[in-house]
Amino acid sequence: GPYVLAAHSAGGLVARLYASNYPDDVVGMVLVDSTNENVWRDFR
């Protein structure tokens, strides 16, 4: 590391959780039409 995480769709959930779990390892991020954890709640 350190890493820049570039993540598409549901991969964005993985990237963000990884950065929360390992904050020292992630220094940048690109979210490519990433899934928001609340979007289905808002749809409902």
All heavy atoms as atom14 arrays in JSON, in Angstrom:
{
  "sequence": "GPYVLAAHSAGGLVARLYASNYPDDVVGMVLVDSTNENVWRDFR",
  "atom14_mask": [
    [1, 1, 1, 1, 0, 0, 0, 0, 0, 0, 0, 0, 0, 0],
    [1, 1, 1, 1, 1, 1, 1, 0, 0, 0, 0, 0, 0, 0],
    [1, 1, 1, 1, 1, 1, 1, 1, 1, 1, 1, 1, 0, 0],
    [1, 1, 1, 1, 1, 1, 1, 0, 0, 0, 0, 0, 0, 0],
    [1, 1, 1, 1, 1, 1, 1, 1, 0, 0, 0, 0, 0, 0],
    [1, 1, 1, 1, 1, 0, 0, 0, 0, 0, 0, 0, 0, 0],
    [1, 1, 1, 1, 1, 0, 0, 0, 0, 0, 0, 0, 0, 0],
    [1, 1, 1, 1, 1, 1, 1, 1, 1, 1, 0, 0, 0, 0],
    [1, 1, 1, 1, 1, 1, 0, 0, 0, 0, 0, 0, 0, 0],
    [1, 1, 1, 1, 1, 0, 0, 0, 0, 0, 0, 0, 0, 0],
    [1, 1, 1, 1, 0, 0, 0, 0, 0, 0, 0, 0, 0, 0],
    [1, 1, 1, 1, 0, 0, 0, 0, 0, 0, 0, 0, 0, 0],
    [1, 1, 1, 1, 1, 1, 1, 1, 0, 0, 0, 0, 0, 0],
    [1, 1, 1, 1, 1, 1, 1, 0, 0, 0, 0, 0, 0, 0],
    [1, 1, 1, 1, 1, 0, 0, 0, 0, 0, 0, 0, 0, 0],
    [1, 1, 1, 1, 1, 1, 1, 1, 1, 1, 1, 0, 0, 0],
    [1, 1, 1, 1, 1, 1, 1, 1, 0, 0, 0, 0, 0, 0],
    [1, 1, 1, 1, 1, 1, 1, 1, 1, 1, 1, 1, 0, 0],
    [1, 1, 1, 1, 1, 0, 0, 0, 0, 0, 0, 0, 0, 0],
    [1, 1, 1, 1, 1, 1, 0, 0, 0, 0, 0, 0, 0, 0],
    [1, 1, 1, 1, 1, 1, 1, 1, 0, 0, 0, 0, 0, 0],
    [1, 1, 1, 1, 1, 1, 1, 1, 1, 1, 1, 1, 0, 0],
    [1, 1, 1, 1, 1, 1, 1, 0, 0, 0, 0, 0, 0, 0],
    [1, 1, 1, 1, 1, 1, 1, 1, 0, 0, 0, 0, 0, 0],
    [1, 1, 1, 1, 1, 1, 1, 1, 0, 0, 0, 0, 0, 0],
    [1, 1, 1, 1, 1, 1, 1, 0, 0, 0, 0, 0, 0, 0],
    [1, 1, 1, 1, 1, 1, 1, 0, 0, 0, 0, 0, 0, 0],
    [1, 1, 1, 1, 0, 0, 0, 0, 0, 0, 0, 0, 0, 0],
    [1, 1, 1, 1, 1, 1, 1, 1, 0, 0, 0, 0, 0, 0],
    [1, 1, 1, 1, 1, 1, 1, 0, 0, 0, 0, 0, 0, 0],
    [1, 1, 1, 1, 1, 1, 1, 1, 0, 0, 0, 0, 0, 0],
    [1, 1, 1, 1, 1, 1, 1, 0, 0, 0, 0, 0, 0, 0],
    [1, 1, 1, 1, 1, 1, 1, 1, 0, 0, 0, 0, 0, 0],
    [1, 1, 1, 1, 1, 1, 0, 0, 0, 0, 0, 0, 0, 0],
    [1, 1, 1, 1, 1, 1, 1, 0, 0, 0, 0, 0, 0, 0],
    [1, 1, 1, 1, 1, 1, 1, 1, 0, 0, 0, 0, 0, 0],
    [1, 1, 1, 1, 1, 1, 1, 1, 1, 0, 0, 0, 0, 0],
    [1, 1, 1, 1, 1, 1, 1, 1, 0, 0, 0, 0, 0, 0],
    [1, 1, 1, 1, 1, 1, 1, 0, 0, 0, 0, 0, 0, 0],
    [1, 1, 1, 1, 1, 1, 1, 1, 1, 1, 1, 1, 1, 1],
    [1, 1, 1, 1, 1, 1, 1, 1, 1, 1, 1, 0, 0, 0],
    [1, 1, 1, 1, 1, 1, 1, 1, 0, 0, 0, 0, 0, 0],
    [1, 1, 1, 1, 1, 1, 1, 1, 1, 1, 1, 0, 0, 0],
    [1, 1, 1, 1, 1, 1, 1, 1, 1, 1, 1, 0, 0, 0]
  ],
  "atom14_positions": [
    [[0.83, -1.19, 0.0], [0.0, 0.0, 0.0], [0.87, 1.24, 0.0], [2.1, 1.15, -0.07], [0.0, 0.0, 0.0], [0.0, 0.0, 0.0], [0.0, 0.0, 0.0], [0.0, 0.0, 0.0], [0.0, 0.0, 0.0], [0.0, 0.0, 0.0], [0.0, 0.0, 0.0], [0.0, 0.0, 0.0], [0.0, 0.0, 0.0], [0.0, 0.0, 0.0]],
    [[0.25, 2.4, 0.08], [-1.19, 2.61, 0.2], [-1.9, 2.41, -1.13], [-1.27, 2.37, -2.18], [-1.3, 4.05, 0.68], [-0.11, 4.72, 0.04], [0.99, 3.68, 0.09], [0.0, 0.0, 0.0], [0.0, 0.0, 0.0], [0.0, 0.0, 0.0], [0.0, 0.0, 0.0], [0.0, 0.0, 0.0], [0.0, 0.0, 0.0], [0.0, 0.0, 0.0]],
    [[-3.24, 2.29, -1.06], [-4.03, 1.97, -2.24], [-5.01, 3.1, -2.57], [-5.53, 3.78, -1.7], [-4.86, 0.69, -2.0], [-4.07, -0.46, -1.44], [-4.34, -0.95, -0.15], [-3.06, -1.07, -2.17], [-3.63, -2.01, 0.37], [-2.33, -2.13, -1.65], [-2.62, -2.6, -0.38], [-1.91, -3.64, 0.14], [0.0, 0.0, 0.0], [0.0, 0.0, 0.0]],
    [[-5.25, 3.23, -3.86], [-6.41, 3.95, -4.37], [-7.39, 2.9, -4.84], [-7.03, 2.02, -5.64], [-6.04, 4.9, -5.53], [-7.29, 5.4, -6.23], [-5.23, 6.09, -5.0], [0.0, 0.0, 0.0], [0.0, 0.0, 0.0], [0.0, 0.0, 0.0], [0.0, 0.0, 0.0], [0.0, 0.0, 0.0], [0.0, 0.0, 0.0], [0.0, 0.0, 0.0]],
    [[-8.59, 2.92, -4.34], [-9.61, 1.93, -4.7], [-10.54, 2.54, -5.74], [-11.12, 3.61, -5.52], [-10.41, 1.5, -3.47], [-9.59, 0.94, -2.3], [-10.53, 0.52, -1.16], [-8.73, -0.23, -2.74], [0.0, 0.0, 0.0], [0.0, 0.0, 0.0], [0.0, 0.0, 0.0], [0.0, 0.0, 0.0], [0.0, 0.0, 0.0], [0.0, 0.0, 0.0]],
    [[-10.67, 1.87, -6.88], [-11.6, 2.29, -7.92], [-12.63, 1.19, -8.07], [-12.29, 0.05, -8.4], [-10.88, 2.54, -9.25], [0.0, 0.0, 0.0], [0.0, 0.0, 0.0], [0.0, 0.0, 0.0], [0.0, 0.0, 0.0], [0.0, 0.0, 0.0], [0.0, 0.0, 0.0], [0.0, 0.0, 0.0], [0.0, 0.0, 0.0], [0.0, 0.0, 0.0]],
    [[-13.9, 1.51, -7.84], [-14.9, 0.46, -7.69], [-16.18, 0.81, -8.43], [-16.65, 1.94, -8.39], [-15.21, 0.24, -6.21], [0.0, 0.0, 0.0], [0.0, 0.0, 0.0], [0.0, 0.0, 0.0], [0.0, 0.0, 0.0], [0.0, 0.0, 0.0], [0.0, 0.0, 0.0], [0.0, 0.0, 0.0], [0.0, 0.0, 0.0], [0.0, 0.0, 0.0]],
    [[-16.73, -0.21, -9.09], [-17.97, -0.05, -9.84], [-19.14, -0.67, -9.11], [-19.02, -1.76, -8.54], [-17.82, -0.71, -11.22], [-19.1, -0.73, -12.02], [-19.69, -1.9, -12.44], [-19.91, 0.28, -12.45], [-20.79, -1.61, -13.11], [-20.95, -0.3, -13.13], [0.0, 0.0, 0.0], [0.0, 0.0, 0.0], [0.0, 0.0, 0.0], [0.0, 0.0, 0.0]],
    [[-20.28, 0.01, -9.13], [-21.55, -0.54, -8.67], [-21.42, -1.13, -7.26], [-20.96, -0.44, -6.35], [-22.03, -1.59, -9.69], [-23.38, -1.95, -9.46], [0.0, 0.0, 0.0], [0.0, 0.0, 0.0], [0.0, 0.0, 0.0], [0.0, 0.0, 0.0], [0.0, 0.0, 0.0], [0.0, 0.0, 0.0], [0.0, 0.0, 0.0], [0.0, 0.0, 0.0]],
    [[-21.8, -2.4, -7.07], [-21.73, -3.0, -5.74], [-20.3, -3.09, -5.23], [-20.08, -3.2, -4.02], [-22.36, -4.39, -5.76], [0.0, 0.0, 0.0], [0.0, 0.0, 0.0], [0.0, 0.0, 0.0], [0.0, 0.0, 0.0], [0.0, 0.0, 0.0], [0.0, 0.0, 0.0], [0.0, 0.0, 0.0], [0.0, 0.0, 0.0], [0.0, 0.0, 0.0]],
    [[-19.32, -3.03, -6.14], [-17.94, -2.99, -5.69], [-17.63, -1.78, -4.85], [-16.69, -1.79, -4.04], [0.0, 0.0, 0.0], [0.0, 0.0, 0.0], [0.0, 0.0, 0.0], [0.0, 0.0, 0.0], [0.0, 0.0, 0.0], [0.0, 0.0, 0.0], [0.0, 0.0, 0.0], [0.0, 0.0, 0.0], [0.0, 0.0, 0.0], [0.0, 0.0, 0.0]],
    [[-18.43, -0.71, -5.01], [-18.24, 0.46, -4.18], [-18.5, 0.19, -2.71], [-17.88, 0.79, -1.83], [0.0, 0.0, 0.0], [0.0, 0.0, 0.0], [0.0, 0.0, 0.0], [0.0, 0.0, 0.0], [0.0, 0.0, 0.0], [0.0, 0.0, 0.0], [0.0, 0.0, 0.0], [0.0, 0.0, 0.0], [0.0, 0.0, 0.0], [0.0, 0.0, 0.0]],
    [[-19.44, -0.71, -2.42], [-19.67, -1.1, -1.03], [-18.43, -1.78, -0.45], [-18.06, -1.55, 0.7], [-20.87, -2.05, -0.94], [-22.23, -1.48, -1.39], [-23.28, -2.59, -1.43], [-22.67, -0.35, -0.47], [0.0, 0.0, 0.0], [0.0, 0.0, 0.0], [0.0, 0.0, 0.0], [0.0, 0.0, 0.0], [0.0, 0.0, 0.0], [0.0, 0.0, 0.0]],
    [[-17.8, -2.62, -1.28], [-16.58, -3.31, -0.84], [-15.47, -2.3, -0.58], [-14.79, -2.35, 0.45], [-16.14, -4.34, -1.89], [-14.88, -5.07, -1.44], [-17.25, -5.33, -2.2], [0.0, 0.0, 0.0], [0.0, 0.0, 0.0], [0.0, 0.0, 0.0], [0.0, 0.0, 0.0], [0.0, 0.0, 0.0], [0.0, 0.0, 0.0], [0.0, 0.0, 0.0]],
    [[-15.29, -1.37, -1.5], [-14.22, -0.37, -1.36], [-14.42, 0.47, -0.1], [-13.47, 0.71, 0.66], [-14.18, 0.52, -2.6], [0.0, 0.0, 0.0], [0.0, 0.0, 0.0], [0.0, 0.0, 0.0], [0.0, 0.0, 0.0], [0.0, 0.0, 0.0], [0.0, 0.0, 0.0], [0.0, 0.0, 0.0], [0.0, 0.0, 0.0], [0.0, 0.0, 0.0]],
    [[-15.63, 0.91, 0.14], [-15.87, 1.78, 1.29], [-15.73, 1.01, 2.59], [-15.17, 1.53, 3.58], [-17.25, 2.42, 1.17], [-17.32, 3.47, 0.06], [-18.74, 3.95, -0.17], [-19.36, 4.37, 1.07], [-20.65, 4.24, 1.34], [-21.46, 3.71, 0.44], [-21.13, 4.65, 2.49], [0.0, 0.0, 0.0], [0.0, 0.0, 0.0], [0.0, 0.0, 0.0]],
    [[-16.21, -0.23, 2.64], [-16.06, -1.01, 3.86], [-14.6, -1.35, 4.1], [-14.13, -1.35, 5.24], [-16.91, -2.28, 3.79], [-16.98, -3.1, 5.08], [-17.53, -2.27, 6.23], [-17.84, -4.36, 4.88], [0.0, 0.0, 0.0], [0.0, 0.0, 0.0], [0.0, 0.0, 0.0], [0.0, 0.0, 0.0], [0.0, 0.0, 0.0], [0.0, 0.0, 0.0]],
    [[-13.87, -1.62, 3.02], [-12.42, -1.88, 3.16], [-11.74, -0.65, 3.77], [-10.91, -0.77, 4.68], [-11.82, -2.21, 1.8], [-10.41, -2.75, 1.89], [-10.16, -4.12, 1.84], [-9.31, -1.91, 2.07], [-8.87, -4.63, 1.94], [-8.03, -2.4, 2.18], [-7.82, -3.76, 2.11], [-6.54, -4.26, 2.23], [0.0, 0.0, 0.0], [0.0, 0.0, 0.0]],
    [[-12.07, 0.54, 3.27], [-11.45, 1.75, 3.78], [-11.82, 2.01, 5.23], [-11.03, 2.57, 6.0], [-11.84, 2.94, 2.91], [0.0, 0.0, 0.0], [0.0, 0.0, 0.0], [0.0, 0.0, 0.0], [0.0, 0.0, 0.0], [0.0, 0.0, 0.0], [0.0, 0.0, 0.0], [0.0, 0.0, 0.0], [0.0, 0.0, 0.0], [0.0, 0.0, 0.0]],
    [[-13.04, 1.64, 5.62], [-13.43, 1.77, 7.03], [-12.67, 0.79, 7.91], [-12.26, 1.12, 9.02], [-14.94, 1.55, 7.18], [-15.68, 2.62, 6.64], [0.0, 0.0, 0.0], [0.0, 0.0, 0.0], [0.0, 0.0, 0.0], [0.0, 0.0, 0.0], [0.0, 0.0, 0.0], [0.0, 0.0, 0.0], [0.0, 0.0, 0.0], [0.0, 0.0, 0.0]],
    [[-12.49, -0.42, 7.42], [-11.8, -1.46, 8.19], [-10.3, -1.22, 8.26], [-9.66, -1.54, 9.28], [-12.06, -2.83, 7.59], [-13.46, -3.34, 7.84], [-14.28, -2.65, 8.44], [-13.76, -4.54, 7.38], [0.0, 0.0, 0.0], [0.0, 0.0, 0.0], [0.0, 0.0, 0.0], [0.0, 0.0, 0.0], [0.0, 0.0, 0.0], [0.0, 0.0, 0.0]],
    [[-9.72, -0.69, 7.17], [-8.27, -0.53, 7.09], [-7.94, 0.91, 6.69], [-7.45, 1.16, 5.59], [-7.68, -1.53, 6.1], [-8.04, -2.97, 6.41], [-9.05, -3.62, 5.69], [-7.43, -3.65, 7.45], [-9.4, -4.93, 6.0], [-7.77, -4.95, 7.77], [-8.77, -5.59, 7.04], [-9.12, -6.88, 7.35], [0.0, 0.0, 0.0], [0.0, 0.0, 0.0]],
    [[-8.21, 1.86, 7.57], [-8.08, 3.28, 7.21], [-6.66, 3.7, 6.85], [-6.47, 4.64, 6.09], [-8.6, 4.01, 8.45], [-8.45, 3.03, 9.57], [-8.69, 1.68, 8.96], [0.0, 0.0, 0.0], [0.0, 0.0, 0.0], [0.0, 0.0, 0.0], [0.0, 0.0, 0.0], [0.0, 0.0, 0.0], [0.0, 0.0, 0.0], [0.0, 0.0, 0.0]],
    [[-5.66, 3.02, 7.38], [-4.28, 3.39, 7.07], [-3.87, 2.97, 5.66], [-2.85, 3.44, 5.15], [-3.31, 2.76, 8.07], [-3.49, 3.32, 9.48], [-3.98, 4.47, 9.59], [-3.15, 2.62, 10.45], [0.0, 0.0, 0.0], [0.0, 0.0, 0.0], [0.0, 0.0, 0.0], [0.0, 0.0, 0.0], [0.0, 0.0, 0.0], [0.0, 0.0, 0.0]],
    [[-4.64, 2.07, 5.05], [-4.24, 1.49, 3.77], [-4.82, 2.21, 2.56], [-4.35, 2.01, 1.44], [-4.67, 0.01, 3.7], [-3.95, -0.86, 4.72], [-2.98, -0.37, 5.33], [-4.36, -2.03, 4.89], [0.0, 0.0, 0.0], [0.0, 0.0, 0.0], [0.0, 0.0, 0.0], [0.0, 0.0, 0.0], [0.0, 0.0, 0.0], [0.0, 0.0, 0.0]],
    [[-5.86, 2.99, 2.74], [-6.58, 3.58, 1.61], [-6.4, 5.1, 1.63], [-6.74, 5.76, 2.61], [-8.07, 3.22, 1.65], [-8.8, 3.82, 0.45], [-8.25, 1.71, 1.66], [0.0, 0.0, 0.0], [0.0, 0.0, 0.0], [0.0, 0.0, 0.0], [0.0, 0.0, 0.0], [0.0, 0.0, 0.0], [0.0, 0.0, 0.0], [0.0, 0.0, 0.0]],
    [[-5.86, 5.64, 0.52], [-5.56, 7.08, 0.46], [-6.33, 7.81, -0.63], [-6.2, 9.02, -0.78], [-4.05, 7.3, 0.27], [-3.28, 6.87, 1.51], [-3.54, 6.56, -0.97], [0.0, 0.0, 0.0], [0.0, 0.0, 0.0], [0.0, 0.0, 0.0], [0.0, 0.0, 0.0], [0.0, 0.0, 0.0], [0.0, 0.0, 0.0], [0.0, 0.0, 0.0]],
    [[-7.15, 7.09, -1.39], [-7.93, 7.72, -2.43], [-8.96, 6.76, -2.98], [-8.85, 5.54, -2.79], [0.0, 0.0, 0.0], [0.0, 0.0, 0.0], [0.0, 0.0, 0.0], [0.0, 0.0, 0.0], [0.0, 0.0, 0.0], [0.0, 0.0, 0.0], [0.0, 0.0, 0.0], [0.0, 0.0, 0.0], [0.0, 0.0, 0.0], [0.0, 0.0, 0.0]],
    [[-9.98, 7.29, -3.66], [-11.05, 6.43, -4.12], [-11.75, 7.05, -5.33], [-11.89, 8.27, -5.43], [-12.07, 6.21, -2.98], [-13.01, 5.05, -3.16], [-14.07, 4.79, -1.68], [-12.84, 4.41, -0.43], [0.0, 0.0, 0.0], [0.0, 0.0, 0.0], [0.0, 0.0, 0.0], [0.0, 0.0, 0.0], [0.0, 0.0, 0.0], [0.0, 0.0, 0.0]],
    [[-12.16, 6.17, -6.25], [-13.03, 6.55, -7.36], [-14.22, 5.61, -7.33], [-14.04, 4.38, -7.4], [-12.31, 6.46, -8.72], [-13.28, 6.78, -9.86], [-11.11, 7.4, -8.77], [0.0, 0.0, 0.0], [0.0, 0.0, 0.0], [0.0, 0.0, 0.0], [0.0, 0.0, 0.0], [0.0, 0.0, 0.0], [0.0, 0.0, 0.0], [0.0, 0.0, 0.0]],
    [[-15.42, 6.15, -7.2], [-16.63, 5.34, -7.16], [-17.36, 5.5, -8.49], [-17.76, 6.6, -8.86], [-17.52, 5.78, -6.0], [-16.91, 5.6, -4.6], [-17.85, 6.15, -3.53], [-16.59, 4.13, -4.32], [0.0, 0.0, 0.0], [0.0, 0.0, 0.0], [0.0, 0.0, 0.0], [0.0, 0.0, 0.0], [0.0, 0.0, 0.0], [0.0, 0.0, 0.0]],
    [[-17.49, 4.39, -9.21], [-18.02, 4.39, -10.57], [-19.47, 3.92, -10.55], [-19.75, 2.72, -10.49], [-17.16, 3.49, -11.49], [-17.65, 3.56, -12.92], [-15.68, 3.89, -11.4], [0.0, 0.0, 0.0], [0.0, 0.0, 0.0], [0.0, 0.0, 0.0], [0.0, 0.0, 0.0], [0.0, 0.0, 0.0], [0.0, 0.0, 0.0], [0.0, 0.0, 0.0]],
    [[-20.39, 4.87, -10.55], [-21.82, 4.57, -10.42], [-22.03, 3.53, -9.32], [-22.7, 2.5, -9.5], [-22.41, 4.09, -11.74], [-23.83, 4.63, -11.96], [-24.09, 5.78, -11.61], [-24.67, 3.88, -12.49], [0.0, 0.0, 0.0], [0.0, 0.0, 0.0], [0.0, 0.0, 0.0], [0.0, 0.0, 0.0], [0.0, 0.0, 0.0], [0.0, 0.0, 0.0]],
    [[-21.47, 3.83, -8.18], [-21.43, 2.89, -7.06], [-22.78, 2.77, -6.36], [-23.56, 3.73, -6.3], [-20.37, 3.36, -6.06], [-20.38, 2.58, -4.89], [0.0, 0.0, 0.0], [0.0, 0.0, 0.0], [0.0, 0.0, 0.0], [0.0, 0.0, 0.0], [0.0, 0.0, 0.0], [0.0, 0.0, 0.0], [0.0, 0.0, 0.0], [0.0, 0.0, 0.0]],
    [[-23.03, 1.6, -5.82], [-24.24, 1.36, -5.04], [-24.19, 2.14, -3.74], [-23.22, 2.07, -2.99], [-24.39, -0.14, -4.73], [-24.39, -0.87, -5.95], [-25.66, -0.42, -3.95], [0.0, 0.0, 0.0], [0.0, 0.0, 0.0], [0.0, 0.0, 0.0], [0.0, 0.0, 0.0], [0.0, 0.0, 0.0], [0.0, 0.0, 0.0], [0.0, 0.0, 0.0]],
    [[-25.24, 2.89, -3.46], [-25.4, 3.55, -2.17], [-26.18, 2.61, -1.26], [-27.2, 2.04, -1.68], [-26.14, 4.88, -2.36], [-26.25, 5.69, -1.08], [-26.77, 5.23, -0.07], [-25.76, 6.93, -1.12], [0.0, 0.0, 0.0], [0.0, 0.0, 0.0], [0.0, 0.0, 0.0], [0.0, 0.0, 0.0], [0.0, 0.0, 0.0], [0.0, 0.0, 0.0]],
    [[-25.74, 2.46, -0.03], [-26.36, 1.5, 0.88], [-27.81, 1.83, 1.2], [-28.54, 0.97, 1.73], [-25.55, 1.41, 2.18], [-25.54, 2.65, 3.05], [-24.49, 3.68, 2.64], [-23.93, 3.56, 1.52], [-24.23, 4.6, 3.43], [0.0, 0.0, 0.0], [0.0, 0.0, 0.0], [0.0, 0.0, 0.0], [0.0, 0.0, 0.0], [0.0, 0.0, 0.0]],
    [[-28.25, 3.03, 0.88], [-29.62, 3.43, 1.2], [-30.53, 3.57, -0.02], [-31.69, 3.95, 0.12], [-29.61, 4.75, 1.98], [-28.94, 4.62, 3.33], [-29.12, 3.62, 4.02], [-28.14, 5.61, 3.7], [0.0, 0.0, 0.0], [0.0, 0.0, 0.0], [0.0, 0.0, 0.0], [0.0, 0.0, 0.0], [0.0, 0.0, 0.0], [0.0, 0.0, 0.0]],
    [[-30.02, 3.26, -1.2], [-30.82, 3.53, -2.4], [-32.07, 2.66, -2.45], [-33.14, 3.11, -2.86], [-29.96, 3.37, -3.67], [-29.6, 1.91, -3.92], [-30.67, 3.98, -4.88], [0.0, 0.0, 0.0], [0.0, 0.0, 0.0], [0.0, 0.0, 0.0], [0.0, 0.0, 0.0], [0.0, 0.0, 0.0], [0.0, 0.0, 0.0], [0.0, 0.0, 0.0]],
    [[-31.98, 1.4, -2.04], [-33.16, 0.53, -2.08], [-34.18, 0.92, -1.02], [-35.37, 0.78, -1.22], [-32.76, -0.93, -1.95], [-32.0, -1.42, -3.14], [-32.34, -1.25, -4.45], [-30.77, -2.13, -3.14], [-31.4, -1.83, -5.26], [-30.43, -2.38, -4.49], [-29.92, -2.61, -2.14], [-29.27, -3.07, -4.86], [-28.77, -3.28, -2.49], [-28.46, -3.51, -3.84]],
    [[-33.71, 1.44, 0.08], [-34.63, 1.97, 1.1], [-35.41, 3.14, 0.52], [-36.63, 3.25, 0.7], [-33.82, 2.41, 2.33], [-34.66, 2.97, 3.46], [-33.8, 3.71, 4.46], [-33.17, 4.88, 3.86], [-32.26, 5.64, 4.48], [-31.85, 5.34, 5.69], [-31.75, 6.7, 3.86], [0.0, 0.0, 0.0], [0.0, 0.0, 0.0], [0.0, 0.0, 0.0]],
    [[-34.71, 4.02, -0.21], [-35.38, 5.16, -0.82], [-36.33, 4.73, -1.93], [-37.4, 5.32, -2.1], [-34.33, 6.14, -1.35], [-33.49, 6.76, -0.24], [-33.93, 6.72, 0.92], [-32.39, 7.25, -0.54], [0.0, 0.0, 0.0], [0.0, 0.0, 0.0], [0.0, 0.0, 0.0], [0.0, 0.0, 0.0], [0.0, 0.0, 0.0], [0.0, 0.0, 0.0]],
    [[-35.95, 3.69, -2.69], [-36.87, 3.15, -3.69], [-38.15, 2.67, -3.01], [-39.26, 2.97, -3.47], [-36.21, 1.98, -4.42], [-35.34, 2.37, -5.59], [-34.86, 3.65, -5.73], [-35.01, 1.44, -6.56], [-34.06, 4.01, -6.81], [-34.22, 1.78, -7.64], [-33.74, 3.07, -7.77], [0.0, 0.0, 0.0], [0.0, 0.0, 0.0], [0.0, 0.0, 0.0]],
    [[-38.0, 1.92, -1.95], [-39.16, 1.34, -1.27], [-40.1, 2.43, -0.76], [-41.32, 2.28, -0.8], [-38.7, 0.44, -0.12], [-39.83, -0.3, 0.58], [-39.3, -1.34, 1.56], [-38.47, -0.76, 2.59], [-37.81, -1.46, 3.51], [-37.89, -2.79, 3.5], [-37.08, -0.86, 4.42], [0.0, 0.0, 0.0], [0.0, 0.0, 0.0], [0.0, 0.0, 0.0]]
  ]
}
